[in-house]
Amino acid sequence: MALPSDLPVIDHHCHLSPHGEGVEAARRFRSAGGTHLFLATQNYGPGTPRSVDDYREQYETTERLARRLGDESGVTAYVVLAPYPVDLVDGAAQMGAARALELHQAALDLAGAWIQERRAVALGEVGWPHFAVPPEVARIGSAAFRHALGVAHDVDCPVVVHSPDLDPAAYRDLAVEADRAGIPRHRIVKHYARQRVRDGASSGIVPSYLARRQLVTEVRDDPGPWFLETDFLDDPRRPGAVLDLATVPRRARSIAQTDGGTERLRVPFVRSVERVYGWTPRTDGKAGP
């Protein structure tokens, strides 16, 4: 079934790399019916960045990739920038906790400046590792996350959170952190949500669901806001991980075949973007608010 031409079909969180499929993956996404990607930056080199200039080069690579997607595949890409939270683990081991935190905060500040310049639309991924870390790394990770929320408050942008799976109590804790930072809860997105969050259980935090078939079936009637994502990694060593980039448009086609399916799709692809980002995704090939 063909999707309506005025309906954006959006993967809310993916990664692309100049060393992976890159534009070819975006073309596959487009062929399946996808129109828009939220493109999160990642480390493109063999190790974690060691300077603000390294992070600047990383952000510039993401920006160039986003531009190429529009020019060469017809896919609109919205850039999401921040130093990866797990960088603190290697950074602390290599340069000490204090220096690693200082660099991380400077990279967050740089991402915030780019968002102010409208070179990116959100701060992310920020948060904390999804595995056990030494106490000192946990301490600086918490400090880095608080700094990230401060940056997001100052530049008035959404925040995309990387974390372990969250239960209702952990969603409440995250909501309290948003309140303390003065950020509306609906501007905090829990990326890589792997379980349905029932009404009220997210305390106002917005889940971005991994687009696995069963999970999509469970959430498709929920009123929102919520998103769908693949967290596609574009890693030649792990082809198709986490989910293939064509997954979200395939799920969209499946939903569209159900009664009222096209209207349901406007929740993750239009209304949730409007709620979290404050603008409507365009279907005329132009990026941005």
Protein backbone atom coordinates (compact mmCIF):
# COMPACT_ATOMS: atom_id res chain seq x y z
CA MET A 1 0.00 0.00 0.00
CA ALA A 2 1.33 3.42 -0.98
CA LEU A 3 1.69 5.91 1.85
CA PRO A 4 0.12 9.37 1.43
CA SER A 5 2.45 11.79 -0.32
CA ASP A 6 1.89 14.42 2.37
CA LEU A 7 2.83 12.06 5.21
CA PRO A 8 6.43 12.29 6.44
CA VAL A 9 7.84 8.88 7.38
CA ILE A 10 10.47 9.45 10.04
CA ASP A 11 13.19 7.39 11.69
CA HIS A 12 13.74 9.38 14.86
CA HIS A 13 17.21 8.02 15.68
CA CYS A 14 19.89 6.54 13.44
CA HIS A 15 23.59 6.83 12.70
CA LEU A 16 25.33 6.92 9.34
CA SER A 17 29.03 6.82 8.63
CA PRO A 18 31.32 7.81 5.78
CA HIS A 19 32.99 4.45 6.40
CA GLY A 20 29.74 2.48 6.11
CA GLU A 21 26.81 2.51 3.70
CA GLY A 22 26.13 6.19 4.24
CA VAL A 23 24.05 7.58 1.40
CA GLU A 24 23.33 4.09 0.06
CA ALA A 25 21.50 3.23 3.28
CA ALA A 26 19.48 6.43 2.96
CA ARG A 27 18.56 5.50 -0.60
CA ARG A 28 17.30 2.15 0.68
CA PHE A 29 15.29 3.99 3.34
CA ARG A 30 13.83 6.27 0.66
CA SER A 31 12.96 3.36 -1.63
CA ALA A 32 11.01 1.76 1.21
CA GLY A 33 8.97 4.94 1.68
CA GLY A 34 11.03 6.84 4.25
CA THR A 35 11.36 10.61 3.98
CA HIS A 36 13.09 12.02 7.10
CA LEU A 37 15.87 10.93 9.46
CA PHE A 38 17.05 12.32 12.75
CA LEU A 39 20.78 11.75 12.25
CA ALA A 40 22.70 11.42 15.51
CA THR A 41 26.43 12.04 15.47
CA GLN A 42 28.89 9.32 16.43
CA ASN A 43 32.62 8.75 16.71
CA TYR A 44 33.89 8.15 13.19
CA GLY A 45 37.54 7.53 14.03
CA PRO A 46 39.23 4.53 15.63
CA GLY A 47 39.17 6.04 19.14
CA THR A 48 37.26 8.53 21.24
CA PRO A 49 37.89 12.24 20.62
CA ARG A 50 40.73 13.77 22.63
CA SER A 51 40.08 17.48 22.05
CA VAL A 52 37.33 19.96 21.27
CA ASP A 53 38.73 20.14 17.74
CA ASP A 54 38.19 16.38 17.44
CA TYR A 55 34.55 16.86 18.39
CA ARG A 56 34.21 19.77 15.99
CA GLU A 57 35.51 17.57 13.19
CA GLN A 58 33.04 14.85 14.22
CA TYR A 59 30.11 17.28 14.16
CA GLU A 60 31.21 18.61 10.77
CA THR A 61 31.27 15.06 9.41
CA THR A 62 27.69 14.54 10.59
CA GLU A 63 26.64 17.84 9.04
CA ARG A 64 28.24 16.92 5.71
CA LEU A 65 26.51 13.54 5.76
CA ALA A 66 23.15 15.18 6.39
CA ARG A 67 23.70 17.54 3.48
CA ARG A 68 24.67 14.66 1.20
CA LEU A 69 21.54 12.73 2.14
CA GLY A 70 19.40 15.58 0.90
CA ASP A 71 21.42 16.12 -2.25
CA GLU A 72 21.96 12.48 -3.24
CA SER A 73 19.04 10.50 -1.80
CA GLY A 74 16.20 12.98 -1.37
CA VAL A 75 15.98 12.18 2.35
CA THR A 76 15.68 15.10 4.76
CA ALA A 77 18.11 14.74 7.67
CA TYR A 78 17.89 16.60 10.97
CA VAL A 79 21.21 16.68 12.82
CA VAL A 80 21.43 15.73 16.52
CA LEU A 81 24.73 16.51 18.26
CA ALA A 82 26.51 15.78 21.54
CA PRO A 83 29.55 13.90 22.79
CA TYR A 84 28.61 10.27 23.34
CA PRO A 85 28.20 9.57 27.09
CA VAL A 86 30.32 6.43 26.90
CA ASP A 87 33.27 8.59 25.74
CA LEU A 88 33.73 9.40 29.43
CA VAL A 89 34.72 5.82 30.20
CA ASP A 90 37.72 5.76 27.88
CA GLY A 91 38.42 9.44 28.47
CA ALA A 92 38.72 8.98 32.23
CA ALA A 93 41.07 6.03 31.75
CA GLN A 94 43.27 7.94 29.29
CA MET A 95 43.37 11.47 30.72
CA GLY A 96 41.87 11.30 34.19
CA ALA A 97 38.33 11.97 35.34
CA ALA A 98 38.66 15.74 35.78
CA ARG A 99 40.10 16.32 32.31
CA ALA A 100 37.61 13.93 30.69
CA LEU A 101 34.72 15.82 32.28
CA GLU A 102 36.16 19.18 31.23
CA LEU A 103 36.45 18.01 27.61
CA HIS A 104 32.97 16.51 27.65
CA GLN A 105 31.43 19.72 28.93
CA ALA A 106 33.29 21.76 26.32
CA ALA A 107 31.98 19.43 23.60
CA LEU A 108 28.44 19.86 24.96
CA ASP A 109 28.90 23.62 24.85
CA LEU A 110 30.04 23.37 21.24
CA ALA A 111 26.97 21.29 20.35
CA GLY A 112 24.79 23.89 22.04
CA ALA A 113 26.37 26.65 19.97
CA TRP A 114 25.63 24.71 16.78
CA ILE A 115 22.00 24.27 17.86
CA GLN A 116 21.74 28.01 18.45
CA GLU A 117 23.05 28.51 14.92
CA ARG A 118 20.38 26.07 13.65
CA ARG A 119 22.99 23.64 12.43
CA ALA A 120 21.34 20.95 14.60
CA VAL A 121 17.91 20.45 16.13
CA ALA A 122 18.58 18.63 19.42
CA LEU A 123 21.22 17.74 21.98
CA GLY A 124 21.95 14.05 21.95
CA GLU A 125 22.78 11.44 22.77
CA VAL A 126 23.39 12.52 26.35
CA GLY A 127 22.93 10.52 29.52
CA TRP A 128 24.89 7.72 31.10
CA PRO A 129 26.35 4.32 30.15
CA HIS A 130 24.03 1.33 29.97
CA PHE A 131 26.57 -0.84 31.82
CA ALA A 132 28.34 -0.75 35.15
CA VAL A 133 31.22 1.75 35.40
CA PRO A 134 33.69 2.68 38.18
CA PRO A 135 32.31 5.10 40.81
CA GLU A 136 34.48 7.96 39.56
CA VAL A 137 33.14 7.57 36.02
CA ALA A 138 29.59 7.42 37.36
CA ARG A 139 30.24 10.65 39.25
CA ILE A 140 31.51 12.58 36.25
CA GLY A 141 28.79 11.03 34.11
CA SER A 142 26.15 12.53 36.38
CA ALA A 143 27.94 15.89 36.28
CA ALA A 144 28.12 15.73 32.48
CA PHE A 145 24.40 14.97 32.23
CA ARG A 146 23.49 17.89 34.47
CA HIS A 147 25.69 20.11 32.29
CA ALA A 148 23.93 18.79 29.18
CA LEU A 149 20.55 19.70 30.64
CA GLY A 150 21.88 23.16 31.43
CA VAL A 151 23.02 23.61 27.84
CA ALA A 152 19.66 22.42 26.54
CA HIS A 153 17.88 24.87 28.82
CA ASP A 154 20.07 27.75 27.70
CA VAL A 155 19.61 27.09 23.98
CA ASP A 156 15.98 25.94 24.34
CA CYS A 157 16.25 22.60 22.56
CA PRO A 158 15.07 19.02 23.00
CA VAL A 159 17.31 16.44 24.67
CA VAL A 160 17.79 12.87 23.40
CA VAL A 161 18.74 10.59 26.28
CA HIS A 162 20.95 7.51 26.12
CA SER A 163 20.47 5.29 29.17
CA PRO A 164 19.67 1.78 30.33
CA ASP A 165 16.04 0.70 30.03
CA LEU A 166 13.81 2.80 32.27
CA ASP A 167 11.01 1.56 34.50
CA PRO A 168 8.31 3.98 35.74
CA ALA A 169 10.42 4.98 38.77
CA ALA A 170 13.40 5.77 36.55
CA TYR A 171 11.18 7.81 34.23
CA ARG A 172 10.05 9.78 37.30
CA ASP A 173 13.66 10.38 38.29
CA LEU A 174 14.45 11.65 34.79
CA ALA A 175 11.41 13.91 34.90
CA VAL A 176 12.63 15.38 38.19
CA GLU A 177 16.01 16.13 36.56
CA ALA A 178 14.20 17.90 33.73
CA ASP A 179 12.17 19.92 36.22
CA ARG A 180 15.31 20.97 38.08
CA ALA A 181 16.90 22.11 34.84
CA GLY A 182 13.81 24.04 33.82
CA ILE A 183 13.20 21.92 30.73
CA PRO A 184 9.62 20.91 29.86
CA ARG A 185 9.34 17.16 30.30
CA HIS A 186 7.94 16.65 26.82
CA ARG A 187 11.23 17.94 25.37
CA ILE A 188 13.14 15.00 26.86
CA VAL A 189 13.20 11.93 24.59
CA LYS A 190 14.18 8.49 25.88
CA HIS A 191 15.91 7.01 22.85
CA TYR A 192 16.00 3.20 22.37
CA ALA A 193 12.87 2.48 24.37
CA ARG A 194 12.34 -1.27 24.13
CA GLN A 195 9.14 -1.65 26.14
CA ARG A 196 5.77 0.04 25.83
CA VAL A 197 5.29 2.91 28.25
CA ARG A 198 1.65 3.03 29.27
CA ASP A 199 -0.29 6.23 29.89
CA GLY A 200 1.32 8.25 32.65
CA ALA A 201 4.14 5.80 33.30
CA SER A 202 6.73 7.96 31.53
CA SER A 203 6.02 11.00 33.75
CA GLY A 204 5.86 13.17 30.64
CA ILE A 205 9.13 11.95 29.10
CA VAL A 206 8.68 10.97 25.43
CA PRO A 207 9.68 7.44 24.39
CA SER A 208 11.34 6.78 21.05
CA TYR A 209 10.50 3.14 20.45
CA LEU A 210 12.78 0.67 18.75
CA ALA A 211 10.73 -0.33 15.69
CA ARG A 212 10.52 -4.03 16.36
CA ARG A 213 7.38 -5.57 14.90
CA GLN A 214 5.71 -6.66 18.16
CA LEU A 215 6.49 -3.41 19.96
CA VAL A 216 5.09 -1.35 17.08
CA THR A 217 1.90 -3.42 17.22
CA GLU A 218 1.62 -2.72 20.95
CA VAL A 219 2.09 1.05 20.74
CA ARG A 220 0.47 1.99 17.44
CA ASP A 221 -2.85 3.04 19.02
CA ASP A 222 -1.25 5.07 21.83
CA PRO A 223 -2.12 8.80 21.72
CA GLY A 224 1.48 9.97 21.96
CA PRO A 225 3.77 11.69 21.89
CA TRP A 226 6.11 8.88 20.86
CA PHE A 227 8.51 8.15 18.03
CA LEU A 228 9.84 5.17 16.08
CA GLU A 229 13.52 4.55 15.48
CA THR A 230 15.96 1.94 14.25
CA ASP A 231 19.16 3.11 15.97
CA PHE A 232 20.81 1.91 12.76
CA LEU A 233 24.58 1.91 13.40
CA ASP A 234 25.97 1.72 9.84
CA ASP A 235 28.87 -0.40 11.06
CA PRO A 236 30.36 -2.70 8.39
CA ARG A 237 31.34 -5.10 11.16
CA ARG A 238 27.68 -5.39 12.23
CA PRO A 239 25.52 -5.13 9.08
CA GLY A 240 21.91 -4.23 9.83
CA ALA A 241 22.51 -3.43 13.51
CA VAL A 242 20.49 -2.42 15.48
CA LEU A 243 17.65 -2.51 12.95
CA ASP A 244 17.98 -1.98 9.22
CA LEU A 245 17.33 1.58 8.10
CA ALA A 246 14.35 0.50 5.96
CA THR A 247 12.49 -0.85 9.01
CA VAL A 248 10.45 2.22 9.98
CA PRO A 249 8.87 2.75 6.52
CA ARG A 250 8.09 -0.97 6.38
CA ARG A 251 6.33 -0.73 9.74
CA ALA A 252 4.52 2.38 8.53
CA ARG A 253 3.17 0.49 5.53
CA SER A 254 1.93 -2.26 7.82
CA ILE A 255 0.11 0.23 10.07
CA ALA A 256 -1.36 2.02 7.05
CA GLN A 257 -3.13 -1.20 6.06
CA THR A 258 -5.15 -1.22 9.30
CA ASP A 259 -8.37 0.72 9.87
CA GLY A 260 -7.46 4.34 10.54
CA GLY A 261 -3.80 3.46 10.10
CA THR A 262 -2.84 6.58 8.17
CA GLU A 263 -4.22 8.78 10.92
CA ARG A 264 -2.36 6.72 13.55
CA LEU A 265 0.89 7.36 11.70
CA ARG A 266 0.46 11.08 12.12
CA VAL A 267 1.13 10.60 15.85
CA PRO A 268 4.81 9.57 15.61
CA PHE A 269 5.54 11.31 12.32
CA VAL A 270 3.80 14.68 12.69
CA ARG A 271 2.16 15.43 16.03
CA SER A 272 5.01 14.16 18.16
CA VAL A 273 7.54 16.20 16.19
CA GLU A 274 5.33 19.25 16.63
CA ARG A 275 5.05 18.60 20.36
CA VAL A 276 8.73 17.92 21.07
CA TYR A 277 10.48 20.12 18.49
CA GLY A 278 7.89 22.83 17.96
CA TRP A 279 7.67 22.61 14.17
CA THR A 280 6.08 20.48 11.50
CA PRO A 281 8.25 18.18 9.36
CA ARG A 282 8.02 19.27 5.75
CA THR A 283 7.37 17.01 2.80
CA ASP A 284 8.61 19.45 0.15
CA GLY A 285 12.23 18.29 0.44
CA LYS A 286 13.38 21.13 2.68
CA ALA A 287 14.96 20.46 6.08
CA GLY A 288 14.55 22.38 9.28
CA PRO A 289 11.81 24.06 11.25
